C-alpha atoms as a PDB file:
ATOM      1  CA  MET A   1     230.217  71.833 -24.429  1.00  0.00           C
ATOM      2  CA  ALA A   2     228.919  72.577 -27.898  1.00  0.00           C
ATOM      3  CA  LYS A   3     227.405  69.108 -28.018  1.00  0.00           C
ATOM      4  CA  GLU A   4     225.276  69.775 -24.857  1.00  0.00           C
ATOM      5  CA  ILE A   5     223.927  73.100 -26.153  1.00  0.00           C
ATOM      6  CA  GLY A   6     222.552  71.540 -29.335  1.00  0.00           C
ATOM      7  CA  PRO A   7     220.193  69.040 -27.701  1.00  0.00           C
ATOM      8  CA  ARG A   8     218.923  71.621 -25.171  1.00  0.00           C
ATOM      9  CA  PHE A   9     218.100  74.094 -27.895  1.00  0.00           C
ATOM     10  CA  ALA A  10     216.252  71.400 -29.815  1.00  0.00           C
ATOM     11  CA  GLN A  11     214.221  70.453 -26.730  1.00  0.00           C
ATOM     12  CA  ARG A  12     213.265  74.081 -26.098  1.00  0.00           C
ATOM     13  CA  ALA A  13     212.216  74.536 -29.713  1.00  0.00           C
ATOM     14  CA  LYS A  14     210.181  71.365 -29.503  1.00  0.00           C
ATOM     15  CA  ARG A  15     208.439  72.556 -26.300  1.00  0.00           C
ATOM     16  CA  ARG A  16     207.665  75.928 -27.866  1.00  0.00           C
ATOM     17  CA  LYS A  17     206.124  74.180 -30.849  1.00  0.00           C
ATOM     18  CA  ILE A  18     204.031  71.954 -28.595  1.00  0.00           C
ATOM     19  CA  ASN A  19     202.911  74.987 -26.555  1.00  0.00           C
ATOM     20  CA  ARG A  20     201.854  76.790 -29.714  1.00  0.00           C
ATOM     21  CA  ILE A  21     199.870  73.766 -30.844  1.00  0.00           C
ATOM     22  CA  LEU A  22     198.223  73.494 -27.420  1.00  0.00           C
ATOM     23  CA  ASN A  23     197.417  77.204 -27.366  1.00  0.00           C
ATOM     24  CA  ALA A  24     195.914  76.963 -30.847  1.00  0.00           C
ATOM     25  CA  ALA A  25     193.894  73.916 -29.817  1.00  0.00           C
ATOM     26  CA  ILE A  26     192.658  75.728 -26.681  1.00  0.00           C
ATOM     27  CA  ALA A  27     191.682  78.741 -28.761  1.00  0.00           C
ATOM     28  CA  VAL A  28     189.779  76.518 -31.181  1.00  0.00           C
ATOM     29  CA  VAL A  29     187.989  74.784 -28.290  1.00  0.00           C
ATOM     30  CA  VAL A  30     187.064  78.121 -26.677  1.00  0.00           C
ATOM     31  CA  LEU A  31     185.804  79.403 -30.023  1.00  0.00           C
ATOM     32  CA  LEU A  32     183.721  76.265 -30.497  1.00  0.00           C
ATOM     33  CA  ILE A  33     182.287  76.660 -26.991  1.00  0.00           C
ATOM     34  CA  VAL A  34     181.352  80.273 -27.735  1.00  0.00           C
ATOM     35  CA  VAL A  35     179.718  79.312 -31.043  1.00  0.00           C
ATOM     36  CA  VAL A  36     177.782  76.436 -29.472  1.00  0.00           C
ATOM     37  CA  ALA A  37     176.658  78.609 -26.557  1.00  0.00           C
ATOM     38  CA  TRP A  38     175.522  81.380 -28.912  1.00  0.00           C
ATOM     39  CA  ASN A  39     173.577  78.883 -31.005  1.00  0.00           C
ATOM     40  CA  LEU A  40     171.913  77.494 -27.896  1.00  0.00           C
ATOM     41  CA  PHE A  41     170.831  80.918 -26.648  1.00  0.00           C
ATOM     42  CA  ALA A  42     169.762  82.009 -30.115  1.00  0.00           C
ATOM     43  CA  GLY A  43     167.874  78.739 -30.557  1.00  0.00           C
ATOM     44  CA  ASP A  44     166.087  79.200 -27.209  1.00  0.00           C
ATOM     45  CA  ASP A  45     165.118  82.759 -28.124  1.00  0.00           C
ATOM     46  CA  GLU A  46     163.758  81.775 -31.558  1.00  0.00           C
ATOM     47  CA  PRO A  47     161.088  79.380 -30.206  1.00  0.00           C
ATOM     48  CA  HIS A  48     160.007  82.165 -27.830  1.00  0.00           C
ATOM     49  CA  LYS A  49     159.681  84.520 -30.783  1.00  0.00           C
ATOM     50  CA  GLN A  50     157.857  81.894 -32.793  1.00  0.00           C
ATOM     51  CA  ALA A  51     155.606  81.131 -29.837  1.00  0.00           C
ATOM     52  CA  ALA A  52     154.910  84.846 -29.385  1.00  0.00           C
ATOM     53  CA  ASN A  53     154.149  85.252 -33.069  1.00  0.00           C
ATOM     54  CA  THR A  54     151.940  82.155 -33.017  1.00  0.00           C
ATOM     55  CA  SER A  55     150.143  83.453 -29.925  1.00  0.00           C
ATOM     56  CA  ALA A  56     149.622  86.855 -31.547  1.00  0.00           C
ATOM     57  CA  LYS A  57     148.336  85.245 -34.739  1.00  0.00           C
ATOM     58  CA  THR A  58     146.036  82.971 -32.720  1.00  0.00           C
ATOM     59  CA  GLU A  59     144.722  85.920 -30.703  1.00  0.00           C
ATOM     60  CA  THR A  60     144.163  87.944 -33.883  1.00  0.00           C
ATOM     61  CA  LYS A  61     142.343  85.006 -35.480  1.00  0.00           C
ATOM     62  CA  GLU A  62     140.234  84.543 -32.344  1.00  0.00           C
ATOM     63  CA  ASN A  63     139.348  88.251 -32.317  1.00  0.00           C
ATOM     64  CA  HIS A  64     138.469  88.060 -36.001  1.00  0.00           C
ATOM     65  CA  ASP A  65     136.382  84.944 -35.369  1.00  0.00           C
ATOM     66  CA  ASP A  66     134.639  86.658 -32.433  1.00  0.00           C
ATOM     67  CA  LYS A  67     133.792  89.679 -34.589  1.00  0.00           C
ATOM     68  CA  LYS A  68     132.611  87.364 -37.356  1.00  0.00           C
ATOM     69  CA  VAL A  69     130.391  85.514 -34.883  1.00  0.00           C
ATOM     70  CA  GLU A  70     129.022  88.833 -33.560  1.00  0.00           C
ATOM     71  CA  VAL A  71     128.226  89.990 -37.098  1.00  0.00           C
ATOM     72  CA  GLU A  72     126.598  86.669 -37.948  1.00  0.00           C
ATOM     73  CA  MET A  73     124.563  86.749 -34.724  1.00  0.00           C
ATOM     74  CA  GLY A  74     123.538  90.344 -35.457  1.00  0.00           C
ATOM     75  CA  ASP A  75     122.471  89.417 -38.985  1.00  0.00           C
ATOM     76  CA  LYS A  76     120.492  86.419 -37.724  1.00  0.00           C
ATOM     77  CA  GLN A  77     118.817  88.558 -35.046  1.00  0.00           C
ATOM     78  CA  GLN A  78     117.890  91.207 -37.626  1.00  0.00           C
ATOM     79  CA  ILE A  79     116.517  88.535 -39.974  1.00  0.00           C
ATOM     80  CA  ASN A  80     114.489  87.017 -37.130  1.00  0.00           C
ATOM     81  CA  GLU A  81     113.096  90.434 -36.139  1.00  0.00           C
ATOM     82  CA  GLU A  82     112.181  91.244 -39.740  1.00  0.00           C
ATOM     83  CA  SER A  83     110.567  87.816 -40.083  1.00  0.00           C
ATOM     84  CA  GLU A  84     108.548  88.362 -36.892  1.00  0.00           C
ATOM     85  CA  GLN A  85     107.413  91.808 -38.071  1.00  0.00           C
ATOM     86  CA  SER A  86     106.440  90.355 -41.446  1.00  0.00           C
ATOM     87  CA  ASP A  87     104.494  87.552 -39.734  1.00  0.00           C
ATOM     88  CA  LYS A  88     102.696  90.067 -37.500  1.00  0.00           C
ATOM     89  CA  LYS A  89     101.835  92.228 -40.494  1.00  0.00           C
ATOM     90  CA  GLU A  90     100.502  89.244 -42.433  1.00  0.00           C
ATOM     91  CA  THR A  91      98.496  88.116 -39.391  1.00  0.00           C
ATOM     92  CA  SER A  92      97.047  91.607 -38.974  1.00  0.00           C
ATOM     93  CA  GLU A  93      96.098  91.758 -42.659  1.00  0.00           C
ATOM     94  CA  GLU A  94      94.528  88.299 -42.469  1.00  0.00           C
ATOM     95  CA  GLU A  95      92.539  89.306 -39.383  1.00  0.00           C
ATOM     96  CA  GLU A  96      91.263  92.396 -41.171  1.00  0.00           C
ATOM     97  CA  GLN A  97      90.268  90.301 -44.163  1.00  0.00           C
ATOM     98  CA  GLU A  98      88.476  87.847 -41.879  1.00  0.00           C
ATOM     99  CA  GLN A  99      86.394  90.721 -40.441  1.00  0.00           C
ATOM    100  CA  GLU A 100      83.659  90.627 -43.022  1.00  0.00           C
ATOM    101  CA  VAL A 101      81.537  93.645 -43.834  1.00  0.00           C
ATOM    102  CA  ILE A 102      78.041  93.265 -42.420  1.00  0.00           C
ATOM    103  CA  GLU A 103      75.258  94.412 -44.752  1.00  0.00           C
ATOM    104  CA  THR A 104      71.675  94.386 -43.524  1.00  0.00           C
ATOM    105  CA  PRO A 105      68.696  95.185 -45.788  1.00  0.00           C
ATOM    106  CA  GLY A 106      66.524  98.090 -44.662  1.00  0.00           C
ATOM    107  CA  ALA A 107      63.110  97.475 -43.173  1.00  0.00           C
ATOM    108  CA  PRO A 108      60.238  97.253 -45.684  1.00  0.00           C
ATOM    109  CA  GLY A 109      58.728 100.658 -46.345  1.00  0.00           C
ATOM    110  CA  SER A 110      61.736 102.541 -44.922  1.00  0.00           C
ATOM    111  CA  ASN A 111      64.032 104.888 -46.819  1.00  0.00           C
ATOM    112  CA  ILE A 112      66.997 102.641 -46.029  1.00  0.00           C
ATOM    113  CA  GLU A 113      68.137 100.425 -48.895  1.00  0.00           C
ATOM    114  CA  LYS A 114      70.751  98.715 -46.730  1.00  0.00           C
ATOM    115  CA  GLU A 115      72.820  99.269 -43.598  1.00  0.00           C
ATOM    116  CA  ILE A 116      76.578  98.696 -43.704  1.00  0.00           C
ATOM    117  CA  VAL A 117      78.914  98.002 -40.765  1.00  0.00           C
ATOM    118  CA  ASN A 118      82.593  97.334 -41.434  1.00  0.00           C
ATOM    119  CA  PRO A 119      84.623  96.025 -38.428  1.00  0.00           C
ATOM    120  CA  ALA A 120      87.826  97.059 -40.228  1.00  0.00           C
ATOM    121  CA  TRP A 121      87.004 100.777 -40.068  1.00  0.00           C
ATOM    122  CA  GLN A 122      89.618 102.703 -38.108  1.00  0.00           C
ATOM    123  CA  PRO A 123      89.853 106.281 -36.770  1.00  0.00           C
ATOM    124  CA  ILE A 124      91.085 108.580 -39.538  1.00  0.00           C
ATOM    125  CA  GLY A 125      93.612 110.415 -37.365  1.00  0.00           C
ATOM    126  CA  THR A 126      93.520 113.998 -36.177  1.00  0.00           C
ATOM    127  CA  THR A 127      95.566 117.167 -35.774  1.00  0.00           C
ATOM    128  CA  GLN A 128      93.397 118.248 -32.838  1.00  0.00           C
ATOM    129  CA  SER A 129      94.368 118.010 -29.174  1.00  0.00           C
ATOM    130  CA  GLU A 130      92.374 116.768 -26.214  1.00  0.00           C
ATOM    131  CA  PRO A 131      89.948 117.510 -24.694  1.00  0.00           C
ATOM    132  CA  HIS A 132      88.052 117.412 -27.967  1.00  0.00           C
ATOM    133  CA  VAL A 133      85.077 119.707 -28.534  1.00  0.00           C
ATOM    134  CA  THR A 134      82.888 118.920 -31.552  1.00  0.00           C
ATOM    135  CA  GLN A 135      82.582 121.855 -33.968  1.00  0.00           C
ATOM    136  CA  PHE A 136      79.915 122.091 -36.671  1.00  0.00           C
ATOM    137  CA  LYS A 137      81.325 125.223 -38.328  1.00  0.00           C
ATOM    138  CA  LYS A 138      82.172 124.643 -41.980  1.00  0.00           C
ATOM    139  CA  ASP A 139      85.549 126.390 -41.723  1.00  0.00           C
ATOM    140  CA  SER A 140      86.665 124.398 -38.645  1.00  0.00           C
ATOM    141  CA  VAL A 141      89.250 121.614 -38.563  1.00  0.00           C
ATOM    142  CA  ASP A 142      86.691 119.358 -36.911  1.00  0.00           C
ATOM    143  CA  TRP A 143      84.248 119.817 -39.809  1.00  0.00           C
ATOM    144  CA  LYS A 144      86.940 118.880 -42.338  1.00  0.00           C
ATOM    145  CA  GLU A 145      87.945 115.791 -40.356  1.00  0.00           C
ATOM    146  CA  MET A 146      84.298 114.703 -40.078  1.00  0.00           C
ATOM    147  CA  LEU A 147      84.012 114.928 -43.870  1.00  0.00           C
ATOM    148  CA  ASP A 148      87.227 112.883 -44.160  1.00  0.00           C
ATOM    149  CA  ALA A 149      85.598 110.158 -42.057  1.00  0.00           C
ATOM    150  CA  VAL A 150      82.392 110.289 -44.155  1.00  0.00           C
ATOM    151  CA  SER A 151      84.409 110.018 -47.381  1.00  0.00           C
ATOM    152  CA  TYR A 152      86.422 107.131 -45.921  1.00  0.00           C
ATOM    153  CA  ALA A 153      83.269 105.205 -44.983  1.00  0.00           C
ATOM    154  CA  THR A 154      81.323 105.745 -48.226  1.00  0.00           C
ATOM    155  CA  GLY A 155      84.128 105.851 -50.785  1.00  0.00           C
ATOM    156  CA  VAL A 156      82.744 109.151 -52.103  1.00  0.00           C
ATOM    157  CA  SER A 157      85.439 111.813 -52.534  1.00  0.00           C
ATOM    158  CA  GLN A 158      84.768 115.252 -51.082  1.00  0.00           C
ATOM    159  CA  SER A 159      84.997 116.768 -54.560  1.00  0.00           C
ATOM    160  CA  ASP A 160      82.108 114.515 -55.650  1.00  0.00           C
ATOM    161  CA  MET A 161      80.094 115.013 -52.472  1.00  0.00           C
ATOM    162  CA  ILE A 162      77.069 117.161 -51.627  1.00  0.00           C
ATOM    163  CA  VAL A 163      76.749 117.614 -47.865  1.00  0.00           C
ATOM    164  CA  TRP A 164      73.121 118.069 -46.859  1.00  0.00           C
ATOM    165  CA  PHE A 165      73.593 117.851 -43.127  1.00  0.00           C
ATOM    166  CA  ILE A 166      76.129 117.207 -40.362  1.00  0.00           C
ATOM    167  CA  GLY A 167      74.836 117.367 -36.805  1.00  0.00           C
ATOM    168  CA  ASN A 168      75.129 116.158 -33.247  1.00  0.00           C
ATOM    169  CA  ASN A 169      74.220 112.543 -32.489  1.00  0.00           C
ATOM    170  CA  GLY A 170      75.188 112.421 -28.814  1.00  0.00           C
ATOM    171  CA  PRO A 171      78.406 113.009 -26.819  1.00  0.00           C
ATOM    172  CA  ASN A 172      81.402 112.767 -29.177  1.00  0.00           C
ATOM    173  CA  LYS A 173      79.121 111.462 -31.930  1.00  0.00           C
ATOM    174  CA  ALA A 174      77.844 112.951 -35.175  1.00  0.00           C
ATOM    175  CA  VAL A 175      75.695 112.005 -38.157  1.00  0.00           C
ATOM    176  CA  ALA A 176      75.975 113.226 -41.743  1.00  0.00           C
ATOM    177  CA  THR A 177      73.666 113.021 -44.763  1.00  0.00           C
ATOM    178  CA  ILE A 178      75.312 113.274 -48.194  1.00  0.00           C
ATOM    179  CA  SER A 179      74.765 112.541 -51.878  1.00  0.00           C
ATOM    180  CA  THR A 180      77.007 112.148 -54.866  1.00  0.00           C
ATOM    181  CA  ARG A 181      77.191 115.146 -57.205  1.00  0.00           C
ATOM    182  CA  ASP A 182      74.872 113.499 -59.711  1.00  0.00           C
ATOM    183  CA  GLN A 183      72.494 112.714 -56.811  1.00  0.00           C
ATOM    184  CA  THR A 184      72.166 109.078 -57.794  1.00  0.00           C
ATOM    185  CA  GLN A 185      73.497 107.780 -54.464  1.00  0.00           C
ATOM    186  CA  HIS A 186      72.526 108.931 -50.992  1.00  0.00           C
ATOM    187  CA  TYR A 187      74.091 108.054 -47.651  1.00  0.00           C
ATOM    188  CA  LYS A 188      73.588 108.628 -43.962  1.00  0.00           C
ATOM    189  CA  VAL A 189      76.863 108.171 -42.077  1.00  0.00           C
ATOM    190  CA  TYR A 190      77.302 107.714 -38.322  1.00  0.00           C
ATOM    191  CA  ILE A 191      80.672 108.608 -36.793  1.00  0.00           C
ATOM    192  CA  GLU A 192      82.142 108.812 -33.306  1.00  0.00           C
ATOM    193  CA  TRP A 193      85.200 110.488 -31.813  1.00  0.00           C
ATOM    194  CA  VAL A 194      88.054 108.269 -30.573  1.00  0.00           C
ATOM    195  CA  GLU A 195      90.322 110.050 -28.107  1.00  0.00           C
ATOM    196  CA  ASN A 196      93.607 111.207 -29.684  1.00  0.00           C
ATOM    197  CA  GLN A 197      92.784 109.235 -32.857  1.00  0.00           C
ATOM    198  CA  GLY A 198      90.021 111.212 -34.524  1.00  0.00           C
ATOM    199  CA  TRP A 199      86.663 110.397 -36.072  1.00  0.00           C
ATOM    200  CA  LYS A 200      85.765 106.781 -36.797  1.00  0.00           C
ATOM    201  CA  PRO A 201      82.798 105.568 -38.921  1.00  0.00           C
ATOM    202  CA  THR A 202      80.482 103.203 -37.059  1.00  0.00           C
ATOM    203  CA  LYS A 203      77.620 102.707 -39.516  1.00  0.00           C
ATOM    204  CA  VAL A 204      76.568 103.705 -43.039  1.00  0.00           C
ATOM    205  CA  GLN A 205      73.008 103.656 -44.301  1.00  0.00           C
ATOM    206  CA  LYS A 206      72.542 103.689 -48.048  1.00  0.00           C
ATOM    207  CA  LEU A 207      69.312 105.605 -48.684  1.00  0.00           C
ATOM    208  CA  LYS A 208      66.794 105.178 -51.438  1.00  0.00           C
ATOM    209  CA  GLU A 209      66.151 108.908 -51.589  1.00  0.00           C
ATOM    210  CA  LYS A 210      67.769 112.048 -50.223  1.00  0.00           C
ATOM    211  CA  GLU A 211      66.536 112.970 -46.772  1.00  0.00           C
END
């Protein structure tokens, strides 16, 4: 009887040992499965994150590039506009230079030394409003602006000018006779009113003597 119990006990102990080994092996396998599965999911998520980051970086770079292009286009447009304005200004100045002053000698026996017409003369500007009414009063704005036009046409400053006469020469036209202070130069100046722009010289006669 004692002999039978011994082998049975040994078999049971052996089975328990095998079961423990199997259980440990199963636990290791399950743990490995969990680790592998976690790595797979984590690995799948990381490319998504990297892709998202790459997409964000690409979008940011594209936005930066777009802004850079806009700035560059704006700069080029501004440069082109400035270049066009400069070209127009140069063309205008060249055209004015090409408009030569016309000087015609006075008729023999006349008091006119020469007659001067300058196509580049422009209206002097005005502070007056329309409709314009010519005023020959010395304290009027119109009188002062007429003298400005006379000074502009002759090159004689008002401080060095003797005004002998300013009078009517037709609708919106006037004529002035002046001399320099030392009375060595005498001029007869024809001016006309340009609407909203003021008086404009049309002709200057340099006189031999004061009229």
